[in-house]
Every structure is written in structure tokens, then in C-alpha cells.
Amino acid sequence: MSVLFFLLGVLPRHFFLSPLLLDLFIIENGTLGSIDNISLQAVPIPAAVWLFGSGLGLPGWLRRKQAA
């Protein structure tokens, strides 16, 4: 199914994540390779909220600083 999405141009042309196989496929120079040793780590919620808030607030703060 992910190959179908790739052929339709829905996903980026350099890499895509297969929802069925959970592999990362890399297409480069007409060759297809995969990375299948992907591991996920849990992110503590307080750290994630702090980073997310900083990412949202920094551009607003810079825009406000430039307007003054």
C-alpha cells in the first residue's frame, strides 16, 4: 500500500515509511534499500511540553521584539 502512495506522489520521493512493515525505505539512484532496526524512545511529557512551548513562543517573541 505504501508503494501505491509513493507512486501517486503522496509521500516524499526520497524516503517513506511503510505502515505495514514499519520499515524506512530509501530510494536513491534507482535502487531501493531499507532500514529496519528503528527503535523508538518515550519522551517525558514535561520535557515535550517545554520544547513544544518554546518552539511556538520563540517566533512570536522575535516578531514582537522586531515590531517594537
N, C-alpha and C. Protein backbone atom coordinates (compact mmCIF):
# COMPACT_ATOMS: atom_id res chain seq x y z
N MET A 1 0.81 -1.18 0.00
CA MET A 1 0.00 0.00 0.00
C MET A 1 0.86 1.26 0.00
N SER A 2 1.96 1.27 0.78
CA SER A 2 2.82 2.45 0.79
C SER A 2 3.47 2.66 -0.57
N VAL A 3 3.71 1.58 -1.31
CA VAL A 3 4.27 1.71 -2.65
C VAL A 3 3.27 2.43 -3.54
N LEU A 4 1.99 2.15 -3.37
CA LEU A 4 0.95 2.83 -4.13
C LEU A 4 0.95 4.32 -3.81
N PHE A 5 1.03 4.67 -2.52
CA PHE A 5 1.09 6.08 -2.13
C PHE A 5 2.32 6.74 -2.73
N PHE A 6 3.44 6.03 -2.73
CA PHE A 6 4.67 6.58 -3.28
C PHE A 6 4.51 6.84 -4.77
N LEU A 7 3.92 5.90 -5.48
CA LEU A 7 3.75 6.06 -6.92
C LEU A 7 2.77 7.19 -7.24
N LEU A 8 1.80 7.42 -6.36
CA LEU A 8 0.86 8.51 -6.57
C LEU A 8 1.44 9.86 -6.21
N GLY A 9 2.59 9.88 -5.57
CA GLY A 9 3.25 11.13 -5.21
C GLY A 9 2.77 11.73 -3.91
N VAL A 10 2.07 10.95 -3.09
CA VAL A 10 1.57 11.46 -1.82
C VAL A 10 2.71 11.62 -0.83
N LEU A 11 3.66 10.70 -0.86
CA LEU A 11 4.78 10.73 0.07
C LEU A 11 6.01 11.31 -0.61
N PRO A 12 6.99 11.79 0.17
CA PRO A 12 8.22 12.32 -0.44
C PRO A 12 8.90 11.28 -1.31
N ARG A 13 9.61 11.72 -2.31
CA ARG A 13 10.19 10.81 -3.27
C ARG A 13 11.50 10.17 -2.79
N HIS A 14 12.14 10.71 -1.77
CA HIS A 14 13.42 10.16 -1.33
C HIS A 14 13.25 9.06 -0.28
N PHE A 15 12.26 9.16 0.55
CA PHE A 15 12.06 8.14 1.56
C PHE A 15 10.60 8.11 1.97
N PHE A 16 10.17 6.99 2.50
CA PHE A 16 8.83 6.88 3.03
C PHE A 16 8.77 5.76 4.04
N LEU A 17 7.79 5.84 4.92
CA LEU A 17 7.63 4.84 5.97
C LEU A 17 6.49 3.90 5.58
N SER A 18 6.79 2.64 5.58
CA SER A 18 5.78 1.65 5.23
C SER A 18 4.90 1.38 6.45
N PRO A 19 3.60 1.66 6.37
CA PRO A 19 2.75 1.43 7.54
C PRO A 19 2.56 -0.05 7.86
N LEU A 20 2.71 -0.91 6.87
CA LEU A 20 2.51 -2.33 7.11
C LEU A 20 3.76 -3.01 7.66
N LEU A 21 4.92 -2.62 7.18
CA LEU A 21 6.16 -3.28 7.57
C LEU A 21 6.94 -2.51 8.61
N LEU A 22 6.59 -1.25 8.85
CA LEU A 22 7.29 -0.37 9.76
C LEU A 22 8.78 -0.30 9.43
N ASP A 23 9.09 -0.24 8.17
CA ASP A 23 10.46 -0.08 7.69
C ASP A 23 10.59 1.27 7.00
N LEU A 24 11.77 1.81 7.01
CA LEU A 24 12.05 3.05 6.29
C LEU A 24 12.73 2.67 4.99
N PHE A 25 12.12 3.01 3.87
CA PHE A 25 12.68 2.69 2.57
C PHE A 25 13.34 3.93 1.99
N ILE A 26 14.52 3.76 1.44
CA ILE A 26 15.27 4.85 0.84
C ILE A 26 15.44 4.54 -0.63
N ILE A 27 15.01 5.47 -1.48
CA ILE A 27 15.15 5.28 -2.92
C ILE A 27 16.15 6.31 -3.41
N GLU A 28 17.23 5.84 -3.97
CA GLU A 28 18.30 6.72 -4.42
C GLU A 28 18.94 6.10 -5.65
N ASN A 29 19.06 6.86 -6.70
CA ASN A 29 19.70 6.41 -7.94
C ASN A 29 19.06 5.14 -8.49
N GLY A 30 17.76 5.01 -8.34
CA GLY A 30 17.07 3.85 -8.88
C GLY A 30 17.20 2.59 -8.06
N THR A 31 17.83 2.66 -6.89
CA THR A 31 17.96 1.48 -6.03
C THR A 31 17.07 1.66 -4.81
N LEU A 32 16.67 0.57 -4.21
CA LEU A 32 15.80 0.59 -3.06
C LEU A 32 16.49 -0.11 -1.90
N GLY A 33 16.63 0.58 -0.80
CA GLY A 33 17.21 -0.02 0.40
C GLY A 33 16.26 0.21 1.56
N SER A 34 16.46 -0.50 2.63
CA SER A 34 15.57 -0.31 3.78
C SER A 34 16.38 -0.30 5.06
N ILE A 35 15.83 0.40 6.04
CA ILE A 35 16.39 0.44 7.38
C ILE A 35 15.31 -0.15 8.28
N ASP A 36 15.59 -1.29 8.89
CA ASP A 36 14.56 -1.95 9.68
C ASP A 36 14.89 -2.06 11.16
N ASN A 37 15.96 -1.45 11.60
CA ASN A 37 16.31 -1.52 13.02
C ASN A 37 16.00 -0.19 13.72
N ILE A 38 14.81 0.31 13.52
CA ILE A 38 14.38 1.58 14.11
C ILE A 38 13.80 1.30 15.49
N SER A 39 14.27 2.03 16.48
CA SER A 39 13.70 1.90 17.82
C SER A 39 13.21 3.26 18.28
N LEU A 40 12.11 3.27 18.99
CA LEU A 40 11.50 4.49 19.47
C LEU A 40 11.72 4.60 20.97
N GLN A 41 11.92 5.82 21.44
CA GLN A 41 12.10 6.07 22.85
C GLN A 41 10.98 6.98 23.33
N ALA A 42 10.50 6.73 24.53
CA ALA A 42 9.47 7.58 25.11
C ALA A 42 10.08 8.91 25.53
N VAL A 43 9.35 9.99 25.29
CA VAL A 43 9.78 11.32 25.70
C VAL A 43 8.92 11.74 26.88
N PRO A 44 9.53 12.13 27.99
CA PRO A 44 8.74 12.57 29.13
C PRO A 44 7.86 13.76 28.76
N ILE A 45 6.63 13.74 29.21
CA ILE A 45 5.67 14.78 28.85
C ILE A 45 6.12 16.18 29.28
N PRO A 46 6.65 16.39 30.49
CA PRO A 46 7.08 17.75 30.84
C PRO A 46 8.15 18.30 29.89
N ALA A 47 9.09 17.47 29.49
CA ALA A 47 10.13 17.92 28.57
C ALA A 47 9.53 18.21 27.20
N ALA A 48 8.62 17.38 26.75
CA ALA A 48 7.99 17.59 25.45
C ALA A 48 7.18 18.87 25.45
N VAL A 49 6.45 19.13 26.51
CA VAL A 49 5.64 20.36 26.59
C VAL A 49 6.54 21.58 26.61
N TRP A 50 7.63 21.53 27.34
CA TRP A 50 8.57 22.65 27.41
C TRP A 50 9.16 22.94 26.03
N LEU A 51 9.60 21.92 25.33
CA LEU A 51 10.17 22.11 24.00
C LEU A 51 9.12 22.61 23.01
N PHE A 52 7.92 22.06 23.07
CA PHE A 52 6.85 22.48 22.17
C PHE A 52 6.47 23.94 22.43
N GLY A 53 6.34 24.31 23.69
CA GLY A 53 6.01 25.70 24.03
C GLY A 53 7.11 26.66 23.63
N SER A 54 8.36 26.26 23.80
CA SER A 54 9.48 27.10 23.38
C SER A 54 9.47 27.29 21.87
N GLY A 55 9.20 26.22 21.15
CA GLY A 55 9.15 26.30 19.69
C GLY A 55 8.04 27.19 19.20
N LEU A 56 6.91 27.21 19.89
CA LEU A 56 5.81 28.08 19.50
C LEU A 56 6.03 29.52 19.94
N GLY A 57 6.62 29.70 21.10
CA GLY A 57 6.77 31.04 21.66
C GLY A 57 7.92 31.84 21.09
N LEU A 58 8.99 31.20 20.69
CA LEU A 58 10.16 31.91 20.21
C LEU A 58 9.89 32.75 18.97
N PRO A 59 9.25 32.23 17.93
CA PRO A 59 8.96 33.08 16.76
C PRO A 59 8.06 34.27 17.11
N GLY A 60 7.08 34.06 17.98
CA GLY A 60 6.21 35.16 18.40
C GLY A 60 6.98 36.21 19.17
N TRP A 61 7.87 35.77 20.04
CA TRP A 61 8.67 36.72 20.81
C TRP A 61 9.60 37.52 19.90
N LEU A 62 10.21 36.85 18.92
CA LEU A 62 11.09 37.55 17.99
C LEU A 62 10.31 38.54 17.13
N ARG A 63 9.12 38.17 16.69
CA ARG A 63 8.30 39.08 15.89
C ARG A 63 7.89 40.30 16.72
N ARG A 64 7.53 40.06 17.97
CA ARG A 64 7.14 41.16 18.85
C ARG A 64 8.33 42.08 19.12
N LYS A 65 9.51 41.49 19.27
CA LYS A 65 10.72 42.27 19.53
C LYS A 65 11.07 43.13 18.32
N GLN A 66 10.90 42.60 17.10
CA GLN A 66 11.20 43.36 15.88
C GLN A 66 10.19 44.48 15.67
N ALA A 67 8.94 44.29 16.07
CA ALA A 67 7.91 45.30 15.87
C ALA A 67 8.11 46.49 16.81
N ALA A 68 8.75 46.27 17.94
CA ALA A 68 8.93 47.35 18.92
C ALA A 68 10.02 48.31 18.55
